[in-house]
Amino acid sequence: MLNRYDRSSPMNGEAEVKYLDGDFRVVRPGAYVRCAATGVPIPLEELKYWSVDLQEAYASPEAVLMRYRELHKA
């Protein structure tokens, strides 16, 4: 039996993802996406934070806040 961390073939490189409300869909297979705030790679199995409106992924709640502040500079 396979779980979500088992892969029949190794996937490398950056994935292309469509971010949805409460879920995401992989458009182009890959191992990770990049955080929009920090640029660090986020393994798909660890992806928890994203913006549907901006279609961006974030590595942590702190990265979400960092990106928000960047976009809303007064």
N, C-alpha and C. Protein backbone atom coordinates (compact mmCIF):
# COMPACT_ATOMS: atom_id res chain seq x y z
N MET A 1 0.84 -1.18 0.00
CA MET A 1 0.00 0.00 0.00
C MET A 1 0.89 1.24 0.00
N LEU A 2 0.54 2.20 -0.84
CA LEU A 2 1.31 3.44 -0.94
C LEU A 2 0.61 4.53 -0.17
N ASN A 3 1.41 5.40 0.42
CA ASN A 3 0.81 6.59 1.04
C ASN A 3 1.19 7.81 0.20
N ARG A 4 0.79 8.98 0.64
CA ARG A 4 1.00 10.18 -0.17
C ARG A 4 2.46 10.56 -0.32
N TYR A 5 3.34 9.98 0.47
CA TYR A 5 4.76 10.29 0.37
C TYR A 5 5.52 9.31 -0.50
N ASP A 6 4.90 8.20 -0.85
CA ASP A 6 5.53 7.24 -1.73
C ASP A 6 5.32 7.67 -3.17
N ARG A 7 6.36 7.50 -3.97
CA ARG A 7 6.26 7.87 -5.38
C ARG A 7 6.78 6.72 -6.22
N SER A 8 6.02 6.37 -7.26
CA SER A 8 6.45 5.30 -8.13
C SER A 8 7.64 5.71 -8.98
N SER A 9 7.71 6.98 -9.33
CA SER A 9 8.88 7.49 -10.06
C SER A 9 9.26 8.83 -9.45
N PRO A 10 10.55 9.09 -9.32
CA PRO A 10 10.97 10.34 -8.70
C PRO A 10 10.58 11.54 -9.55
N MET A 11 10.08 12.59 -8.88
CA MET A 11 9.74 13.83 -9.57
C MET A 11 10.76 14.89 -9.15
N ASN A 12 11.29 15.55 -10.12
CA ASN A 12 12.26 16.61 -9.85
C ASN A 12 11.73 17.91 -10.41
N GLY A 13 12.31 18.99 -9.93
CA GLY A 13 11.98 20.29 -10.47
C GLY A 13 10.74 20.91 -9.87
N GLU A 14 10.45 22.09 -10.36
CA GLU A 14 9.34 22.88 -9.83
C GLU A 14 8.03 22.48 -10.49
N ALA A 15 7.02 22.32 -9.68
CA ALA A 15 5.68 21.99 -10.18
C ALA A 15 4.95 23.27 -10.56
N GLU A 16 3.98 23.13 -11.43
CA GLU A 16 3.05 24.23 -11.71
C GLU A 16 1.73 23.84 -11.06
N VAL A 17 1.21 24.74 -10.24
CA VAL A 17 0.05 24.43 -9.42
C VAL A 17 -1.04 25.48 -9.61
N LYS A 18 -2.29 25.02 -9.65
CA LYS A 18 -3.46 25.91 -9.65
C LYS A 18 -4.00 25.88 -8.23
N TYR A 19 -3.99 27.03 -7.56
CA TYR A 19 -4.42 27.13 -6.17
C TYR A 19 -5.92 27.38 -6.11
N LEU A 20 -6.61 26.53 -5.38
CA LEU A 20 -8.06 26.59 -5.25
C LEU A 20 -8.42 26.85 -3.80
N ASP A 21 -9.70 27.10 -3.53
CA ASP A 21 -10.16 27.28 -2.15
C ASP A 21 -10.05 25.96 -1.40
N GLY A 22 -9.13 25.88 -0.44
CA GLY A 22 -8.97 24.70 0.39
C GLY A 22 -8.26 23.54 -0.26
N ASP A 23 -7.77 23.70 -1.47
CA ASP A 23 -7.09 22.62 -2.17
C ASP A 23 -6.25 23.22 -3.29
N PHE A 24 -5.46 22.39 -3.94
CA PHE A 24 -4.72 22.83 -5.11
C PHE A 24 -4.67 21.69 -6.11
N ARG A 25 -4.44 22.02 -7.37
CA ARG A 25 -4.37 21.04 -8.43
C ARG A 25 -3.02 21.18 -9.12
N VAL A 26 -2.32 20.07 -9.29
CA VAL A 26 -1.02 20.08 -9.96
C VAL A 26 -1.26 20.08 -11.47
N VAL A 27 -0.79 21.14 -12.12
CA VAL A 27 -0.94 21.29 -13.56
C VAL A 27 0.24 20.64 -14.27
N ARG A 28 1.43 20.86 -13.74
CA ARG A 28 2.65 20.24 -14.27
C ARG A 28 3.37 19.58 -13.10
N PRO A 29 3.58 18.28 -13.15
CA PRO A 29 4.22 17.57 -12.03
C PRO A 29 5.60 18.12 -11.70
N GLY A 30 5.92 18.03 -10.43
CA GLY A 30 7.21 18.45 -9.92
C GLY A 30 7.28 18.13 -8.45
N ALA A 31 8.40 18.38 -7.84
CA ALA A 31 8.62 18.05 -6.44
C ALA A 31 8.26 19.19 -5.50
N TYR A 32 8.24 20.43 -6.00
CA TYR A 32 8.07 21.58 -5.12
C TYR A 32 7.49 22.77 -5.87
N VAL A 33 7.09 23.78 -5.09
CA VAL A 33 6.75 25.11 -5.61
C VAL A 33 7.60 26.10 -4.81
N ARG A 34 7.73 27.31 -5.29
CA ARG A 34 8.53 28.32 -4.59
C ARG A 34 7.64 29.27 -3.80
N CYS A 35 8.12 29.62 -2.62
CA CYS A 35 7.43 30.60 -1.79
C CYS A 35 7.53 31.97 -2.46
N ALA A 36 6.39 32.65 -2.60
CA ALA A 36 6.35 33.97 -3.25
C ALA A 36 7.06 35.04 -2.43
N ALA A 37 7.15 34.84 -1.11
CA ALA A 37 7.76 35.84 -0.24
C ALA A 37 9.26 35.63 -0.06
N THR A 38 9.67 34.38 0.06
CA THR A 38 11.07 34.10 0.39
C THR A 38 11.85 33.42 -0.73
N GLY A 39 11.16 32.81 -1.67
CA GLY A 39 11.83 32.11 -2.75
C GLY A 39 12.28 30.70 -2.40
N VAL A 40 12.06 30.27 -1.17
CA VAL A 40 12.49 28.93 -0.79
C VAL A 40 11.57 27.87 -1.41
N PRO A 41 12.12 26.73 -1.77
CA PRO A 41 11.27 25.66 -2.30
C PRO A 41 10.42 25.04 -1.20
N ILE A 42 9.17 24.73 -1.54
CA ILE A 42 8.24 24.09 -0.62
C ILE A 42 7.85 22.75 -1.23
N PRO A 43 8.24 21.63 -0.63
CA PRO A 43 7.81 20.34 -1.15
C PRO A 43 6.28 20.28 -1.20
N LEU A 44 5.73 19.73 -2.25
CA LEU A 44 4.27 19.71 -2.41
C LEU A 44 3.57 19.06 -1.23
N GLU A 45 4.18 18.03 -0.65
CA GLU A 45 3.54 17.35 0.48
C GLU A 45 3.53 18.20 1.75
N GLU A 46 4.28 19.32 1.75
CA GLU A 46 4.30 20.23 2.89
C GLU A 46 3.57 21.55 2.62
N LEU A 47 3.00 21.71 1.44
CA LEU A 47 2.32 22.95 1.06
C LEU A 47 1.02 23.12 1.84
N LYS A 48 0.94 24.20 2.62
CA LYS A 48 -0.22 24.47 3.46
C LYS A 48 -0.80 25.87 3.26
N TYR A 49 0.00 26.79 2.75
CA TYR A 49 -0.41 28.19 2.67
C TYR A 49 -0.29 28.70 1.24
N TRP A 50 -1.38 29.33 0.74
CA TRP A 50 -1.34 29.91 -0.59
C TRP A 50 -2.44 30.96 -0.73
N SER A 51 -2.33 31.74 -1.79
CA SER A 51 -3.34 32.74 -2.11
C SER A 51 -4.04 32.33 -3.41
N VAL A 52 -5.35 32.17 -3.33
CA VAL A 52 -6.13 31.86 -4.53
C VAL A 52 -6.12 33.06 -5.46
N ASP A 53 -6.32 34.27 -4.91
CA ASP A 53 -6.38 35.48 -5.73
C ASP A 53 -5.07 35.75 -6.46
N LEU A 54 -3.95 35.59 -5.77
CA LEU A 54 -2.64 35.88 -6.36
C LEU A 54 -2.00 34.66 -7.02
N GLN A 55 -2.56 33.46 -6.75
CA GLN A 55 -2.00 32.21 -7.27
C GLN A 55 -0.52 32.08 -6.88
N GLU A 56 -0.28 32.23 -5.56
CA GLU A 56 1.07 32.16 -5.00
C GLU A 56 1.07 31.21 -3.81
N ALA A 57 2.20 30.57 -3.60
CA ALA A 57 2.40 29.70 -2.45
C ALA A 57 3.28 30.40 -1.42
N TYR A 58 3.11 29.99 -0.14
CA TYR A 58 3.90 30.57 0.95
C TYR A 58 4.41 29.45 1.85
N ALA A 59 5.62 29.60 2.35
CA ALA A 59 6.26 28.58 3.15
C ALA A 59 5.74 28.54 4.59
N SER A 60 5.19 29.65 5.09
CA SER A 60 4.79 29.73 6.50
C SER A 60 3.83 30.90 6.68
N PRO A 61 3.16 30.96 7.84
CA PRO A 61 2.32 32.12 8.12
C PRO A 61 3.12 33.42 8.12
N GLU A 62 4.35 33.37 8.57
CA GLU A 62 5.22 34.56 8.56
C GLU A 62 5.47 35.03 7.13
N ALA A 63 5.62 34.09 6.21
CA ALA A 63 5.83 34.43 4.80
C ALA A 63 4.58 35.08 4.21
N VAL A 64 3.39 34.62 4.63
CA VAL A 64 2.14 35.24 4.19
C VAL A 64 2.12 36.70 4.62
N LEU A 65 2.43 36.96 5.88
CA LEU A 65 2.45 38.32 6.41
C LEU A 65 3.50 39.17 5.70
N MET A 66 4.67 38.61 5.45
CA MET A 66 5.73 39.33 4.74
C MET A 66 5.25 39.76 3.35
N ARG A 67 4.60 38.85 2.65
CA ARG A 67 4.11 39.15 1.30
C ARG A 67 2.98 40.18 1.35
N TYR A 68 2.09 40.06 2.33
CA TYR A 68 1.01 41.02 2.50
C TYR A 68 1.57 42.43 2.70
N ARG A 69 2.55 42.53 3.57
CA ARG A 69 3.15 43.84 3.84
C ARG A 69 3.86 44.39 2.60
N GLU A 70 4.49 43.51 1.85
CA GLU A 70 5.17 43.92 0.62
C GLU A 70 4.17 44.47 -0.40
N LEU A 71 3.02 43.84 -0.50
CA LEU A 71 2.01 44.26 -1.47
C LEU A 71 1.21 45.49 -1.04
N HIS A 72 1.19 45.75 0.26
CA HIS A 72 0.37 46.85 0.79
C HIS A 72 1.19 47.94 1.46
N LYS A 73 2.35 48.22 0.91
CA LYS A 73 3.18 49.31 1.43
C LYS A 73 2.45 50.62 1.26
N ALA A 74 2.48 51.40 2.29
CA ALA A 74 1.78 52.71 2.23
C ALA A 74 2.71 53.80 1.80
